Protein backbone atom coordinates (compact mmCIF):
# COMPACT_ATOMS: atom_id res chain seq x y z
CA UNK A 1 56.01 -38.99 106.40
CA UNK A 2 56.04 -36.08 104.90
CA UNK A 3 55.70 -35.83 101.09
CA UNK A 4 56.91 -33.19 98.09
CA UNK A 5 55.50 -31.75 95.07
CA UNK A 6 57.56 -33.61 93.29
CA UNK A 7 56.93 -36.84 94.84
CA UNK A 8 53.41 -36.42 94.10
CA UNK A 9 54.43 -35.18 90.28
CA UNK A 10 55.84 -38.30 89.77
CA UNK A 11 53.45 -40.31 91.37
CA UNK A 12 50.84 -38.83 89.08
CA UNK A 13 52.45 -39.86 86.31
CA UNK A 14 53.38 -43.54 86.65
CA UNK A 15 49.94 -43.94 87.39
CA UNK A 16 49.18 -42.57 83.97
CA UNK A 17 51.41 -44.59 82.37
CA UNK A 18 49.64 -47.49 83.94
CA UNK A 19 47.16 -46.72 82.59
CA UNK A 20 47.73 -46.31 78.92
CA UNK A 21 49.68 -49.39 79.24
CA UNK A 22 46.81 -51.31 80.27
CA UNK A 23 44.61 -50.38 77.13
CA UNK A 24 47.33 -49.49 74.53
CA UNK A 25 48.63 -53.31 72.64
CA UNK A 26 51.10 -55.08 74.03
CA UNK A 27 54.13 -53.16 71.74
CA UNK A 28 53.23 -50.34 74.55
CA UNK A 29 52.67 -47.70 71.73
CA UNK A 30 50.66 -44.73 72.37
CA UNK A 31 46.83 -44.78 70.50
CA UNK A 32 46.32 -43.00 67.62
CA UNK A 33 43.30 -41.08 69.07
CA UNK A 34 46.00 -39.54 71.54
CA UNK A 35 47.98 -37.75 69.27
CA UNK A 36 47.65 -34.54 67.92
CA UNK A 37 48.73 -34.46 64.69
CA UNK A 38 50.41 -31.01 63.61
CA UNK A 39 48.55 -30.04 59.90
CA UNK A 40 51.42 -30.22 56.95
CA UNK A 41 52.52 -26.80 55.87
CA UNK A 42 50.66 -25.70 52.28
CA UNK A 43 53.51 -26.94 49.79
CA UNK A 44 54.71 -23.83 47.50
CA UNK A 45 52.90 -22.01 45.28
CA UNK A 46 50.00 -23.35 46.09
CA UNK A 47 46.74 -21.20 47.53
CA UNK A 48 45.67 -22.04 50.83
CA UNK A 49 41.78 -22.54 50.20
CA UNK A 50 39.47 -20.01 52.37
CA UNK A 51 38.09 -21.05 55.54
CA UNK A 52 34.52 -21.36 55.76
CA UNK A 53 33.37 -18.78 58.83
CA UNK A 54 31.79 -21.25 61.82
CA UNK A 55 29.14 -18.84 62.21
CA UNK A 56 26.86 -18.64 58.68
CA UNK A 57 25.03 -15.36 57.99
CA UNK A 58 21.48 -15.95 58.38
CA UNK A 59 19.19 -15.30 54.82
CA UNK A 60 18.46 -11.32 54.84
CA UNK A 61 14.26 -10.58 54.30
CA UNK A 62 15.30 -8.51 50.92
CA UNK A 63 18.54 -8.75 49.25
CA UNK A 64 19.13 -6.00 46.83
CA UNK A 65 21.44 -6.22 44.09
CA UNK A 66 23.42 -2.97 43.01
CA UNK A 67 22.37 -1.13 39.88
CA UNK A 68 24.25 -1.16 36.69
CA UNK A 69 25.42 1.65 34.99
CA UNK A 70 26.58 2.19 31.66
CA UNK A 71 29.65 4.65 31.08
CA UNK A 72 30.42 5.17 27.52
CA UNK A 73 30.63 2.59 24.98
CA UNK A 74 32.41 -0.31 27.17
CA UNK A 75 32.60 0.42 30.53
CA UNK A 76 29.78 -0.95 32.95
CA UNK A 77 29.81 -0.25 36.63
CA UNK A 78 29.18 -2.62 39.25
CA UNK A 79 29.59 -0.91 43.06
CA UNK A 80 29.08 -4.33 44.88
CA UNK A 81 31.00 -7.45 42.12
CA UNK A 82 28.43 -9.35 44.43
CA UNK A 83 27.45 -11.20 41.41
CA UNK A 84 31.14 -12.36 40.18
CA UNK A 85 33.80 -12.25 43.09
CA UNK A 86 36.72 -13.27 41.49
CA UNK A 87 36.44 -10.29 38.12
CA UNK A 88 37.99 -7.04 39.31
CA UNK A 89 36.22 -4.29 40.88
CA UNK A 90 33.94 -2.05 38.89
CA UNK A 91 33.15 -4.47 36.15
CA UNK A 92 29.93 -5.87 35.01
CA UNK A 93 29.85 -9.52 34.22
CA UNK A 94 29.38 -9.09 30.67
CA UNK A 95 32.78 -7.95 30.76
CA UNK A 96 34.14 -10.76 32.25
CA UNK A 97 32.06 -13.36 29.98
CA UNK A 98 32.33 -11.56 26.33
CA UNK A 99 31.73 -14.59 24.42
CA UNK A 100 28.70 -15.89 26.15
CA UNK A 101 27.04 -12.55 26.28
CA UNK A 102 28.05 -12.06 22.61
CA UNK A 103 26.54 -15.35 21.48
CA UNK A 104 23.33 -14.84 23.42
CA UNK A 105 22.44 -11.64 22.08
CA UNK A 106 22.98 -12.19 18.40
CA UNK A 107 20.18 -14.84 18.05
CA UNK A 108 17.51 -12.91 20.03
CA UNK A 109 17.95 -9.97 17.55
CA UNK A 110 17.92 -12.48 14.94
CA UNK A 111 14.52 -13.86 16.27
CA UNK A 112 12.95 -10.17 16.93
CA UNK A 113 10.98 -9.94 13.34
CA UNK A 114 12.14 -6.60 11.70
CA UNK A 115 8.89 -6.48 9.59
CA UNK A 116 6.43 -6.00 11.78
CA UNK A 117 5.66 -2.51 11.17
CA UNK A 118 5.89 -2.48 7.99
CA UNK A 119 2.41 -5.18 8.72
CA UNK A 120 1.03 -2.65 10.68
CA UNK A 121 1.08 -0.24 7.93
CA UNK A 122 -0.70 -2.31 5.96
CA UNK A 123 -2.95 -3.76 8.27
CA UNK A 124 -3.20 -2.11 11.82
CA UNK A 125 -2.91 -4.81 14.86
CA UNK A 126 -1.33 -6.79 12.61
CA UNK A 127 2.58 -6.16 13.52
CA UNK A 128 1.06 -6.55 17.20
CA UNK A 129 -0.10 -9.86 16.21
CA UNK A 130 3.60 -10.82 15.17
CA UNK A 131 4.97 -10.07 18.14
CA UNK A 132 2.37 -11.84 20.08
CA UNK A 133 1.12 -8.66 22.25
CA UNK A 134 -2.59 -8.43 23.34
CA UNK A 135 -3.54 -5.06 21.95
CA UNK A 136 -3.66 -6.27 18.80
CA UNK A 137 -7.30 -6.65 18.97
CA UNK A 138 -7.72 -3.09 20.17
CA UNK A 139 -6.01 -2.21 16.68
CA UNK A 140 -8.40 -4.22 14.47
CA UNK A 141 -11.58 -3.29 16.70
CA UNK A 142 -10.85 0.53 15.75
CA UNK A 143 -9.66 -0.63 12.27
CA UNK A 144 -13.47 -2.37 11.69
CA UNK A 145 -15.55 0.06 13.77
CA UNK A 146 -13.64 2.98 10.96
CA UNK A 147 -14.18 1.02 8.03
CA UNK A 148 -18.32 0.71 9.11
CA UNK A 149 -18.29 4.28 10.38
CA UNK A 150 -17.36 5.29 7.26
CA UNK A 151 -19.84 2.95 4.64
CA UNK A 152 -22.63 3.65 7.16
CA UNK A 153 -21.72 7.97 6.39
CA UNK A 154 -21.17 7.65 3.20
CA UNK A 155 -24.21 5.76 2.44
CA UNK A 156 -26.69 8.59 4.60
CA UNK A 157 -24.83 10.78 1.84
CA UNK A 158 -25.90 9.90 -0.83
CA UNK A 159 -29.19 8.93 0.20
CA UNK A 160 -29.91 12.55 1.07
CA UNK A 161 -28.03 13.85 -1.93
CA UNK A 162 -30.87 11.50 -4.24
CA UNK A 163 -33.04 13.30 -2.06
CA UNK A 164 -32.84 16.57 -2.69
CA UNK A 165 -32.58 16.04 -6.38
CA UNK A 166 -34.98 14.08 -6.50
CA UNK A 167 -36.75 17.03 -4.52
CA UNK A 168 -35.66 19.69 -7.40
CA UNK A 169 -37.07 17.48 -10.26
CA UNK A 170 -40.41 17.18 -9.14
CA UNK A 171 -41.08 20.83 -7.78
CA UNK A 172 -38.28 23.86 -8.51
CA UNK A 173 -37.51 22.28 -12.38
CA UNK A 174 -41.19 20.55 -13.48
CA UNK A 175 -42.68 21.77 -16.58
CA UNK A 176 -39.89 24.19 -17.13
CA UNK A 177 -37.88 21.52 -19.85
CA UNK A 178 -38.12 18.60 -21.72
CA UNK A 179 -34.87 16.79 -20.53
CA UNK A 180 -33.59 17.68 -16.65
CA UNK A 181 -30.10 16.43 -15.72
CA UNK A 182 -28.11 16.58 -12.63
CA UNK A 183 -26.00 19.01 -12.49
CA UNK A 184 -23.08 19.63 -10.03
CA UNK A 185 -22.63 20.63 -6.21
CA UNK A 186 -22.40 24.13 -6.57
CA UNK A 187 -25.82 24.21 -9.31
CA UNK A 188 -27.80 23.26 -6.24
CA UNK A 189 -26.14 25.75 -3.79
CA UNK A 190 -27.67 28.34 -6.02
CA UNK A 191 -31.20 26.65 -6.11
CA UNK A 192 -30.51 27.22 -2.20
CA UNK A 193 -29.75 31.02 -2.45
CA UNK A 194 -32.38 32.02 -5.26
CA UNK A 195 -36.17 31.53 -5.73
CA UNK A 196 -35.39 30.95 -9.63
CA UNK A 197 -32.87 30.87 -12.35
CA UNK A 198 -34.78 33.38 -14.62
CA UNK A 199 -34.16 32.79 -18.67
CA UNK A 200 -30.88 32.47 -20.37
CA UNK A 201 -32.37 34.53 -23.31
CA UNK A 202 -35.07 36.86 -22.86
CA UNK A 203 -35.98 37.67 -26.34
CA UNK A 204 -36.08 35.37 -29.96
CA UNK A 205 -34.25 38.27 -31.38
CA UNK A 206 -30.83 37.43 -32.60
CA UNK A 207 -27.61 37.38 -30.35
CA UNK A 208 -28.33 36.35 -26.14
CA UNK A 209 -30.68 38.81 -24.47
CA UNK A 210 -29.20 38.37 -21.02
CA UNK A 211 -31.77 38.45 -18.02
CA UNK A 212 -33.05 41.95 -16.68
CA UNK A 213 -34.54 40.79 -13.05
CA UNK A 214 -31.79 41.07 -10.53
CA UNK A 215 -33.87 38.54 -8.17
CA UNK A 216 -32.99 35.36 -10.24
CA UNK A 217 -29.77 34.03 -10.68
CA UNK A 218 -28.88 35.15 -14.08
CA UNK A 219 -30.56 38.45 -13.82
CA UNK A 220 -27.90 38.61 -11.22
CA UNK A 221 -25.05 38.15 -12.98
CA UNK A 222 -25.74 40.06 -15.98
CA UNK A 223 -26.17 42.77 -13.29
CA UNK A 224 -22.34 41.71 -12.70
CA UNK A 225 -20.89 41.50 -15.61
CA UNK A 226 -22.22 44.76 -17.01
CA UNK A 227 -20.92 46.54 -13.34
CA UNK A 228 -17.88 45.02 -14.17
CA UNK A 229 -17.25 46.05 -17.82
CA UNK A 230 -19.58 48.91 -18.44
CA UNK A 231 -18.43 52.19 -18.01
CA UNK A 232 -21.97 52.96 -16.33
CA UNK A 233 -24.55 49.77 -15.56
CA UNK A 234 -27.60 51.50 -17.01
CA UNK A 235 -26.10 52.50 -20.20
CA UNK A 236 -25.49 49.94 -22.43
CA UNK A 237 -22.33 50.49 -24.87
CA UNK A 238 -23.35 50.01 -28.72
CA UNK A 239 -23.94 46.96 -29.59
CA UNK A 240 -20.69 44.95 -31.49
CA UNK A 241 -18.67 46.99 -29.00
CA UNK A 242 -15.68 45.49 -27.03
CA UNK A 243 -16.95 46.43 -23.45
CA UNK A 244 -21.01 44.89 -24.86
CA UNK A 245 -18.68 41.94 -26.22
CA UNK A 246 -16.87 41.14 -22.84
CA UNK A 247 -20.50 41.14 -20.51
CA UNK A 248 -22.51 39.20 -23.15
CA UNK A 249 -19.23 36.39 -22.81
CA UNK A 250 -18.96 36.85 -19.06
CA UNK A 251 -23.05 36.57 -19.22
CA UNK A 252 -23.30 33.20 -21.36
CA UNK A 253 -20.09 31.09 -19.62
CA UNK A 254 -22.04 31.11 -16.13
CA UNK A 255 -25.66 31.82 -17.21
CA UNK A 256 -28.33 28.98 -16.51
CA UNK A 257 -29.12 26.98 -19.38
CA UNK A 258 -32.43 26.35 -20.73
CA UNK A 259 -32.23 23.16 -19.69
CA UNK A 260 -31.22 23.63 -16.19
CA UNK A 261 -33.76 26.54 -15.37
CA UNK A 262 -35.77 26.05 -11.95
CA UNK A 263 -38.17 27.89 -10.08
CA UNK A 264 -39.58 27.85 -6.53
CA UNK A 265 -42.19 30.29 -6.75
CA UNK A 266 -45.42 29.44 -4.42
CA UNK A 267 -43.57 26.31 -3.02
CA UNK A 268 -40.99 27.90 -0.17
CA UNK A 269 -41.84 25.35 2.01
CA UNK A 270 -40.50 22.70 -0.41
CA UNK A 271 -37.54 25.12 -0.89
CA UNK A 272 -37.03 24.82 2.61
CA UNK A 273 -36.69 21.08 3.19
CA UNK A 274 -34.45 21.44 -0.37
CA UNK A 275 -32.32 22.99 1.90
CA UNK A 276 -32.06 21.13 4.99
CA UNK A 277 -31.58 17.93 2.61
CA UNK A 278 -28.24 19.56 1.99
CA UNK A 279 -27.49 20.16 5.26
CA UNK A 280 -27.73 16.42 5.96
CA UNK A 281 -25.96 15.75 3.00
CA UNK A 282 -22.70 17.88 3.50
CA UNK A 283 -23.04 17.02 7.29
CA UNK A 284 -22.95 13.13 6.56
CA UNK A 285 -20.41 13.74 4.14
CA UNK A 286 -17.86 15.30 6.34
CA UNK A 287 -18.57 12.87 8.91
CA UNK A 288 -17.30 10.37 6.50
CA UNK A 289 -13.85 12.09 5.94
CA UNK A 290 -13.58 11.88 9.63
CA UNK A 291 -13.96 8.61 9.88
CA UNK A 292 -11.20 8.09 7.14
CA UNK A 293 -8.91 10.36 9.70
CA UNK A 294 -9.96 7.92 12.25
CA UNK A 295 -8.50 4.72 9.90
CA UNK A 296 -5.27 6.70 8.81
CA UNK A 297 -4.70 7.61 12.71
CA UNK A 298 -5.14 4.00 13.43
CA UNK A 299 -2.83 3.12 10.99
CA UNK A 300 0.05 5.32 11.89
CA UNK A 301 -0.41 4.72 15.69
CA UNK A 302 -0.34 0.81 14.87
CA UNK A 303 3.00 1.21 12.78
CA UNK A 304 5.13 3.58 15.41
CA UNK A 305 3.62 0.76 18.15
CA UNK A 306 5.10 -1.78 16.41
CA UNK A 307 8.35 -0.07 15.85
CA UNK A 308 8.59 1.01 19.52
CA UNK A 309 8.24 -2.42 20.49
CA UNK A 310 11.13 -3.83 18.29
CA UNK A 311 13.66 -1.26 19.52
CA UNK A 312 12.99 -2.45 23.35
CA UNK A 313 12.74 -5.83 22.69
CA UNK A 314 16.32 -5.14 21.26
CA UNK A 315 17.46 -2.86 23.76
CA UNK A 316 16.78 -5.73 26.57
CA UNK A 317 18.57 -7.82 24.66
CA UNK A 318 22.20 -5.64 24.68
CA UNK A 319 24.33 -5.26 27.60
CA UNK A 320 24.59 -2.69 30.05
CA UNK A 321 20.57 -2.24 30.07
CA UNK A 322 19.99 -0.03 33.26
CA UNK A 323 17.63 -1.22 36.28
CA UNK A 324 17.58 -2.06 39.96
CA UNK A 325 17.06 -5.86 40.81
CA UNK A 326 15.32 -6.91 44.18
CA UNK A 327 14.22 -11.13 45.60
CA UNK A 328 12.54 -11.71 48.57
CA UNK A 329 12.13 -15.53 49.91
CA UNK A 330 8.64 -16.22 49.35
CA UNK A 331 8.19 -14.64 45.66
CA UNK A 332 9.84 -14.90 42.36
CA UNK A 333 12.89 -12.39 41.74
CA UNK A 334 11.55 -8.66 40.83
CA UNK A 335 12.60 -6.95 38.24
CA UNK A 336 12.75 -2.41 38.09
CA UNK A 337 13.25 -1.26 34.88
């Protein structure tokens, strides 16, 4: 018997129907698993959900978030829009949630102690302590050190001052006057330059008879007065004349009085010690002024530091900060600003 392709196809279909009839219920319906159901079309007005890719993207070793740049006052650019794919291209995350951003910035500003620079101006390091910064201890240390140095230098200057004054009383002014009051600083400087002061009145005659020795301090003053007011310093004008009285007035107002008289004659070694003691006292006073300069600079630096810290904290809470953020799988997020 000779078979044809049509008969073979018909026999195959009959055998398949018989096999399905044995596994299906008596009603003869086809099992649900064997029926291919076509997906229903989406309803009108409803967007089709996005299809997930069967091949998910593998995690990268280093993920860079794009930089955010402020242009003008109100526009912030985010080139990748990777933080929020639903917002329009080019706008930062702050513009997509204006209410939430504003509510998070204001409390942060209110918590910033604006009066911290005032505290630093009074007590260096105080503003940094209010802001919770560890470098406040450095300002405190410099402040304490500056005042301790200032007190030490002032004590040294006063000690040296008392030393040269006592030396002058014991040596240069001894047996010259019953009264030996302390003079001003210029008085002791003149004692450095001249061996003796000279007498104030050289005779017991009526009126003032100035010292004539130009090597003494009073003699030098009388020579200057004559050179200034007389036509010829070696020729005295008539007593009572205007030139003579002007010279006497100049001398009387500047010459050393009897109670301040001194003499270093036969005491050159003591005068050298006197000069060195004055130099040490002056040097200690200069160091104390430098110490005050360090203290003032510490106040100013601490004040500026506290002010800059407050400005930086406020700028970090404002939208539009410029920076690049990076993260790696094995470490926290790193932020470069």
